[in-house]
Protein backbone atom coordinates (compact mmCIF):
# COMPACT_ATOMS: atom_id res chain seq x y z
CA MET A 1 -106.20 54.35 12.26
CA ILE A 2 -104.39 53.83 8.96
CA LYS A 3 -101.64 56.20 10.06
CA ASN A 4 -101.05 54.29 13.28
CA ARG A 5 -101.05 50.99 11.37
CA ASN A 6 -98.35 52.28 9.00
CA ARG A 7 -96.35 53.52 11.95
CA ARG A 8 -96.35 50.04 13.47
CA LYS A 9 -94.71 48.80 10.26
CA GLN A 10 -91.82 51.17 10.85
CA LYS A 11 -89.19 51.44 13.52
CA ASP A 12 -86.50 53.91 14.47
CA CYS A 13 -82.90 53.48 13.30
CA PRO A 14 -80.82 52.47 16.37
CA ASN A 15 -78.10 54.90 15.28
CA CYS A 16 -79.73 58.14 14.04
CA GLY A 17 -83.43 57.67 14.88
CA THR A 18 -84.72 57.87 11.30
CA GLN A 19 -87.98 55.98 10.79
CA LEU A 20 -87.42 52.92 8.62
CA PRO A 21 -89.66 50.21 7.18
CA VAL A 22 -89.41 47.03 9.22
CA GLU A 23 -88.25 45.05 6.19
CA ALA A 24 -85.41 47.50 5.39
CA ASN A 25 -81.93 46.03 5.94
CA PHE A 26 -80.05 49.33 6.25
CA CYS A 27 -80.80 52.92 7.15
CA GLN A 28 -80.76 55.14 4.05
CA ASN A 29 -79.58 58.05 6.18
CA CYS A 30 -76.54 56.67 8.05
CA GLY A 31 -76.03 53.12 6.71
CA GLN A 32 -76.67 51.45 10.08
CA GLU A 33 -78.02 47.88 9.95
CA ASN A 34 -81.76 47.90 10.64
CA HIS A 35 -81.72 45.39 13.45
CA HIS A 36 -80.37 45.21 16.95
CA GLN A 37 -78.76 42.15 18.40
CA ARG A 38 -76.29 41.46 21.15
CA VAL A 39 -72.80 40.93 19.78
CA THR A 40 -70.89 37.92 21.09
CA LEU A 41 -67.11 37.76 21.48
CA GLY A 42 -66.95 35.34 18.56
CA THR A 43 -68.86 37.78 16.34
CA LEU A 44 -66.55 40.62 17.37
CA LEU A 45 -63.42 38.62 16.53
CA LYS A 46 -64.96 37.46 13.26
CA ASP A 47 -65.72 41.06 12.26
CA LEU A 48 -62.18 42.10 13.19
CA VAL A 49 -60.64 39.40 11.01
CA HIS A 50 -63.06 40.13 8.17
CA GLU A 51 -62.46 43.86 8.29
CA ASN A 52 -58.68 43.77 8.46
CA PHE A 53 -57.27 40.47 7.23
CA THR A 54 -59.51 39.30 4.39
CA TRP A 55 -58.33 39.40 0.79
CA ASP A 56 -60.64 41.08 -1.72
CA ALA A 57 -60.58 42.91 -5.05
CA LYS A 58 -59.81 46.18 -3.27
CA ALA A 59 -56.59 44.70 -1.90
CA ILE A 60 -55.38 43.99 -5.44
CA ARG A 61 -56.47 47.43 -6.62
CA SER A 62 -54.57 48.92 -3.66
CA ILE A 63 -51.33 46.91 -3.69
CA VAL A 64 -50.61 47.28 -7.41
CA PRO A 65 -50.64 51.13 -7.46
CA LEU A 66 -48.94 51.16 -4.06
CA ILE A 67 -45.96 49.36 -5.64
CA ILE A 68 -45.76 50.90 -9.11
CA LYS A 69 -47.06 54.43 -8.37
CA PRO A 70 -45.42 55.75 -5.19
CA GLY A 71 -47.60 58.22 -3.32
CA LEU A 72 -50.72 57.69 -5.44
CA LEU A 73 -52.77 55.99 -2.72
CA THR A 74 -52.01 58.79 -0.28
CA LEU A 75 -53.04 61.41 -2.84
CA GLU A 76 -56.25 59.54 -3.61
CA PHE A 77 -57.01 59.39 0.12
CA MET A 78 -56.33 63.11 0.52
CA ASN A 79 -58.59 63.92 -2.45
CA GLY A 80 -61.43 61.81 -1.07
CA LYS A 81 -61.20 59.07 -3.72
CA ARG A 82 -61.31 56.17 -1.26
CA ALA A 83 -64.06 53.86 -2.48
CA ASN A 84 -61.86 51.88 -4.90
CA TYR A 85 -59.03 51.20 -2.42
CA ASN A 86 -58.52 49.56 0.94
CA ARG A 87 -58.39 51.92 3.86
CA PRO A 88 -54.76 52.65 4.84
CA LEU A 89 -54.96 50.91 8.22
CA ARG A 90 -56.69 47.83 6.82
CA LEU A 91 -54.12 47.51 4.03
CA TYR A 92 -51.28 47.91 6.55
CA LEU A 93 -52.72 45.27 8.90
CA PHE A 94 -53.28 42.78 6.10
CA VAL A 95 -49.78 43.14 4.58
CA SER A 96 -48.07 43.20 8.00
CA PHE A 97 -49.95 40.02 8.98
CA VAL A 98 -48.67 38.26 5.83
CA TYR A 99 -45.17 39.64 6.44
CA PHE A 100 -44.87 38.37 10.01
CA VAL A 101 -46.33 34.97 9.11
CA VAL A 102 -43.86 34.49 6.24
CA SER A 103 -40.85 35.90 8.09
CA GLY A 104 -41.69 33.80 11.15
CA PHE A 105 -41.86 30.65 9.05
CA VAL A 106 -38.58 31.43 7.27
CA GLY A 107 -36.96 32.38 10.58
CA ASP A 108 -37.95 29.07 12.16
CA GLN A 109 -36.44 27.17 9.24
CA THR A 110 -33.21 29.20 9.44
CA ASP A 111 -32.93 28.77 13.21
CA SER A 112 -33.36 25.01 12.85
CA ASP A 113 -30.58 24.82 10.24
CA VAL A 114 -28.26 26.94 12.38
CA GLU A 115 -29.00 24.88 15.50
CA VAL A 116 -28.31 21.60 13.67
CA GLU A 117 -25.05 23.01 12.32
CA ALA A 118 -24.05 24.24 15.78
CA VAL A 119 -24.73 20.82 17.31
CA GLU A 120 -22.71 19.10 14.59
CA ASN A 121 -19.80 21.52 15.14
CA ALA A 122 -19.99 20.98 18.90
CA ASP A 123 -19.97 17.20 18.44
CA GLU A 124 -16.94 17.48 16.19
CA PHE A 125 -15.21 19.75 18.72
CA ILE A 126 -15.86 17.26 21.52
CA LYS A 127 -14.57 14.36 19.46
CA VAL A 128 -11.34 16.22 18.65
CA ASN A 129 -10.74 17.17 22.27
CA PHE A 130 -11.46 13.65 23.49
CA ALA A 131 -8.88 12.37 21.04
CA GLU A 132 -6.34 14.91 22.30
CA GLY A 133 -7.15 14.24 25.94
CA GLU A 134 -8.37 17.80 26.62
CA SER A 135 -11.56 16.96 28.49
CA ASP A 136 -11.71 20.41 30.15
CA SER A 137 -12.50 21.99 26.78
CA ILE A 138 -15.68 19.95 26.45
CA GLU A 139 -17.46 22.24 28.91
CA LEU A 140 -16.62 25.27 26.76
CA ALA A 141 -18.33 23.67 23.79
CA THR A 142 -21.61 23.40 25.67
CA ILE A 143 -21.83 27.03 26.82
CA HIS A 144 -24.64 28.99 25.24
CA GLN A 145 -22.75 31.80 23.53
CA ASP A 146 -25.78 34.03 22.93
CA SER A 147 -25.99 34.94 26.61
CA SER A 148 -22.33 36.03 26.84
CA GLY A 149 -23.28 39.66 26.26
CA TRP A 150 -25.27 39.73 29.50
CA LYS A 151 -22.54 38.15 31.61
CA GLY A 152 -20.15 40.50 33.30
CA ASN A 153 -22.22 43.58 32.47
CA GLU A 154 -22.14 45.49 35.75
CA PHE A 155 -24.75 48.07 34.68
CA LEU A 156 -27.33 45.39 33.93
CA LYS A 157 -26.46 43.38 37.03
CA THR A 158 -26.77 46.46 39.25
CA ASN A 159 -30.02 47.85 37.83
CA PHE A 160 -31.77 44.66 36.68
CA PRO A 161 -30.37 41.84 38.83
CA GLU A 162 -33.32 39.44 38.52
CA ALA A 163 -33.69 39.88 34.76
CA THR A 164 -29.95 39.52 34.18
CA ALA A 165 -29.75 36.37 36.27
CA SER A 166 -32.65 34.88 34.31
CA ILE A 167 -31.31 35.87 30.88
CA GLU A 168 -27.89 34.33 31.65
CA THR A 169 -29.58 30.94 31.47
CA ARG A 170 -30.46 29.38 28.14
CA GLU A 171 -34.14 29.09 28.99
CA GLY A 172 -34.35 32.69 30.20
CA LEU A 173 -32.56 34.01 27.12
CA LEU A 174 -34.98 32.16 24.83
CA ARG A 175 -37.96 33.60 26.73
CA PHE A 176 -36.50 37.11 26.49
CA GLN A 177 -35.90 36.74 22.75
CA GLU A 178 -39.43 35.42 22.31
CA ALA A 179 -40.84 38.43 24.18
CA LEU A 180 -38.91 40.77 21.89
CA LEU A 181 -40.04 39.00 18.72
CA ASN A 182 -43.67 38.90 19.84
CA SER A 183 -43.64 42.65 20.40
CA LEU A 184 -42.24 43.53 16.96
CA PRO A 185 -45.65 44.02 15.25
CA MET A 186 -46.77 46.46 17.96
CA PHE A 187 -43.36 48.18 17.92
CA PHE A 188 -43.47 48.76 14.16
CA PHE A 189 -46.99 50.15 14.43
CA ALA A 190 -46.08 52.36 17.40
CA ILE A 191 -43.29 54.20 15.54
CA ILE A 192 -45.44 54.98 12.49
CA PRO A 193 -46.98 58.11 14.11
CA ALA A 194 -43.46 59.35 14.87
CA PHE A 195 -42.41 58.95 11.24
CA GLY A 196 -45.58 60.77 10.21
CA PHE A 197 -44.73 63.60 12.60
CA TRP A 198 -41.25 64.10 11.12
CA MET A 199 -42.68 63.96 7.59
CA PHE A 200 -45.29 66.57 8.54
CA LEU A 201 -42.68 68.80 10.16
CA LEU A 202 -40.02 68.69 7.45
CA PHE A 203 -42.36 68.51 4.44
CA TYR A 204 -44.86 71.01 5.81
CA ARG A 205 -46.69 73.16 3.33
CA ARG A 206 -49.62 75.48 3.80
CA GLY A 207 -52.92 73.66 4.07
CA SER A 208 -51.41 70.28 4.95
CA TYR A 209 -52.58 68.22 7.91
CA TYR A 210 -50.83 65.71 10.12
CA VAL A 211 -53.32 63.00 9.15
CA ASP A 212 -52.03 63.20 5.57
CA SER A 213 -48.49 62.46 6.75
CA PHE A 214 -49.79 59.68 9.00
CA VAL A 215 -51.53 58.04 6.02
CA PHE A 216 -48.33 58.52 4.00
CA SER A 217 -46.44 56.70 6.78
CA LEU A 218 -48.94 53.82 6.81
CA HIS A 219 -48.61 53.40 3.05
CA GLY A 220 -44.83 53.71 3.30
CA GLN A 221 -44.52 51.05 6.01
CA THR A 222 -46.81 48.79 3.97
CA ALA A 223 -44.49 49.23 0.98
CA ILE A 224 -41.50 48.35 3.19
CA PHE A 225 -43.18 45.11 4.28
CA ILE A 226 -43.87 44.22 0.64
CA GLY A 227 -40.26 45.02 -0.32
CA VAL A 228 -38.85 42.88 2.49
CA LEU A 229 -41.22 40.04 1.56
CA ILE A 230 -39.89 40.17 -2.00
CA VAL A 231 -36.32 39.98 -0.68
CA ILE A 232 -37.20 37.02 1.57
CA ILE A 233 -38.75 35.11 -1.33
CA VAL A 234 -35.88 35.92 -3.71
CA GLN A 235 -33.24 34.94 -1.15
CA MET A 236 -34.94 31.59 -0.64
CA ILE A 237 -34.16 30.90 -4.30
CA PHE A 238 -30.91 32.86 -4.66
CA PRO A 239 -29.28 33.30 -1.22
CA ARG A 240 -27.35 36.50 -1.89
CA GLU A 241 -27.10 39.48 0.49
CA ILE A 242 -26.83 41.85 -2.48
CA PHE A 243 -30.64 41.74 -2.86
CA SER A 244 -31.06 43.36 0.56
CA PHE A 245 -28.82 46.29 -0.43
CA ILE A 246 -30.61 46.69 -3.75
CA MET A 247 -34.01 46.73 -2.02
CA PHE A 248 -32.78 49.32 0.49
CA PHE A 249 -31.88 51.78 -2.27
CA LEU A 250 -35.08 50.97 -4.19
CA LEU A 251 -37.17 51.71 -1.10
CA PHE A 252 -35.29 54.95 -0.48
CA TYR A 253 -35.95 56.03 -4.06
CA TYR A 254 -39.57 54.90 -3.67
CA PHE A 255 -40.04 57.15 -0.62
CA ALA A 256 -38.33 60.08 -2.38
CA VAL A 257 -40.65 59.80 -5.39
CA ALA A 258 -43.71 59.32 -3.17
CA ALA A 259 -42.84 62.40 -1.08
CA LYS A 260 -42.23 64.40 -4.27
CA ARG A 261 -45.69 63.48 -5.55
CA VAL A 262 -47.58 63.98 -2.28
CA TYR A 263 -45.87 67.11 -0.95
CA LYS A 264 -45.29 68.83 -4.33
CA VAL A 265 -41.53 69.32 -3.99
CA SER A 266 -38.61 68.69 -6.33
CA LEU A 267 -36.94 65.29 -6.35
CA PHE A 268 -33.71 66.79 -4.98
CA GLY A 269 -35.59 68.60 -2.21
CA SER A 270 -37.48 65.40 -1.44
CA ILE A 271 -34.23 63.43 -1.09
CA ILE A 272 -32.61 66.03 1.19
CA ARG A 273 -35.64 66.27 3.46
CA LEU A 274 -36.10 62.52 3.47
CA VAL A 275 -32.53 61.99 4.68
CA ALA A 276 -33.22 64.40 7.56
CA VAL A 277 -36.46 62.56 8.33
CA LEU A 278 -34.67 59.20 8.40
CA ILE A 279 -32.00 60.53 10.76
CA LEU A 280 -34.55 62.00 13.17
CA HIS A 281 -36.77 58.92 12.92
CA GLY A 282 -33.76 56.67 13.53
CA ILE A 283 -32.96 58.54 16.73
CA THR A 284 -36.61 58.33 17.78
CA THR A 285 -36.73 54.61 17.06
CA VAL A 286 -33.59 53.94 19.11
CA CYS A 287 -34.99 55.92 22.05
CA VAL A 288 -38.32 54.08 21.90
CA LEU A 289 -36.53 50.73 21.64
CA LEU A 290 -34.32 51.52 24.65
CA LEU A 291 -37.35 52.54 26.70
CA TYR A 292 -39.11 49.34 25.73
CA LEU A 293 -36.04 47.26 26.65
CA VAL A 294 -35.93 48.95 30.05
CA TYR A 295 -39.63 48.18 30.54
CA LEU A 296 -39.05 44.58 29.47
CA LEU A 297 -36.13 44.20 31.85
CA ILE A 298 -38.14 45.64 34.74
CA THR A 299 -41.08 43.32 34.15
CA PHE A 300 -39.09 40.26 33.02
CA VAL A 301 -38.79 37.50 35.61
């Protein structure tokens, strides 16, 4: 009787079946929450945001070594020391989210300034031609120049007639550009496995696994986002293109040092192999981008 009474105060873990006290919050065997409830769509989205986009102490502990100690986070992940750092995918999603928000905001401001300047130049052009009596030139000032690359292109007109006809209009071109910009986050994420593959192939050493190179790629792309964010912020204060070139070489050196540390090669060997990786990855990226453009043209109406 006592045994059955104690059993009623326990219940099975919904994940592994271990008997747990009713008042227990988590299973001591697998960590599963000791309750079962239907998950709503709102709860699912909330968990997604909390898991991948929230800022916590781990993010600070992850970003600082990611910047100042190239390759350390990947090594810590490979050695199983993961409790003190954000998981690679979570860190990537958080930083990429911040990057696209900031770059989108800066891009909107830049586009507005350029559009205002273009309108002012067009108004000035019209005034000059009115004064000179050349009214036929006014029409030229109102043509949307961004779509000129699509006009007269026989290959595009032959293979994608509907898309080309739509893109030749201002409204269609804006929709096409918006579709491209909206797909950038997914595009960047999609080419990370390819970069990891080339790193695994060219930096292969006995006992290494592809997942290590994939994690290296996630950390590397996260570092690139941080580097570009720094350039964006600096250029808002000091608008000089030289910062972009400086950051490019700093990131290249960053990857060389990170690869040297992770794959146990010399710095010279790391640089040579990294150049080969960048060439192969560049070709892969162009091919993927062309395929995506073809898909976009086929489905664009």
